[in-house]
Amino acid sequence: MSENHNSPAARLQQLFEGHRLTPTQRRIAHCMVRRAGDVAFLSSVELAELAGVSQPSVTRFAVALGFDGYPALRRHLREITPAEPAADKDTFNEYQQAVHAEIENLRHLAELLADPAPVEQAGRILAASRPLPVLGLRAASSQARGFAYFAAKVHPDVRLLDEGGTMLADRIDAARRAGASALLCFALPRHPKEVVEALAYAHESGLTVVTVADSAFAPVAAHSDLLIPAAVGTGLAFDTACAPMLLGRVLLEAMCDDLPDAQARLEEFDARAAERGLFTE
């Protein structure tokens, strides 16, 4: 996934590209991207604590990237990711900190969208798929449901896949037999094993998989043709997903641009809604 190549997060993404990382190493990489502004000044112990891994795992991660150890990696990070001025977090309570963390996630998303090509490509892929299956389980089900709700107003055949179980592969098969050429997936932590398996099955079945995930290093990346990352907030007891939701709306906009009758469908819906008195305003 391309993004603003001048941002610290983008330079870190480039550093990790081409390396086969273990799940633990992907977790470290994800943490580093999220802390791109100050990661170069973290000790290996501090980075390990932030990523929720052991300190030796951080050392092995540095070696996997081709460095002699973490100090060599940190020196390199200071060259490619200069420190950014940070706000005084001590002035915020825990709720404010969660909001500011989401604002930072949205800022990273804005940097990523400086290159609109991947989103535009995704819009073309999704618009061309008839039907269009939209997958999201557990924490990601609300993202998938929201996308499917609005997409159905402009796309002729949207199929929401928000329940797991043995029928999931059957529903993917049914969509493929009906003519589907692509599948859109929302994948958020904690990543259900079922989602990874479903994407692998969809990919093997010939569907082009477009994924919105919390990180380019998410477990679903291996089974995605086009993955667009949008980070989640982790400052509260339950993750917050403002950036993935907004990215879903951006994809809707890109899809509408490639559906020539999208505006006509919206106007038809508005007219019928008025006739039925669906809304109070």
Foldseek 3Di string as FASTA:
>chain_A
DAFQCLALLNVLVVLCPPFDDDPLLLLLSLQCSLVSQCPLPDDLCRSCVSSVHDSVVQQVSCVSSPDPGVVRVSVVSCVRRPHDDDDDCVVDDLVVVLVVSLVSLVVRVVRGCVPVVLLLVLLQLQLPFVVEEEEDEDPGLVLSVVLQVVLVLQHVHYHYHYDFDPCLLVVLVVSVVRGGQAYEYEAEPPGDPRVLVSLQSNQVVRHAYEYEYQDCSDSNVVSHPHYDHGHWGDSDPDIHGPRSSVSSVSSSVSNCVNRVCRVVSNVVVVVVCVVVVVDDD
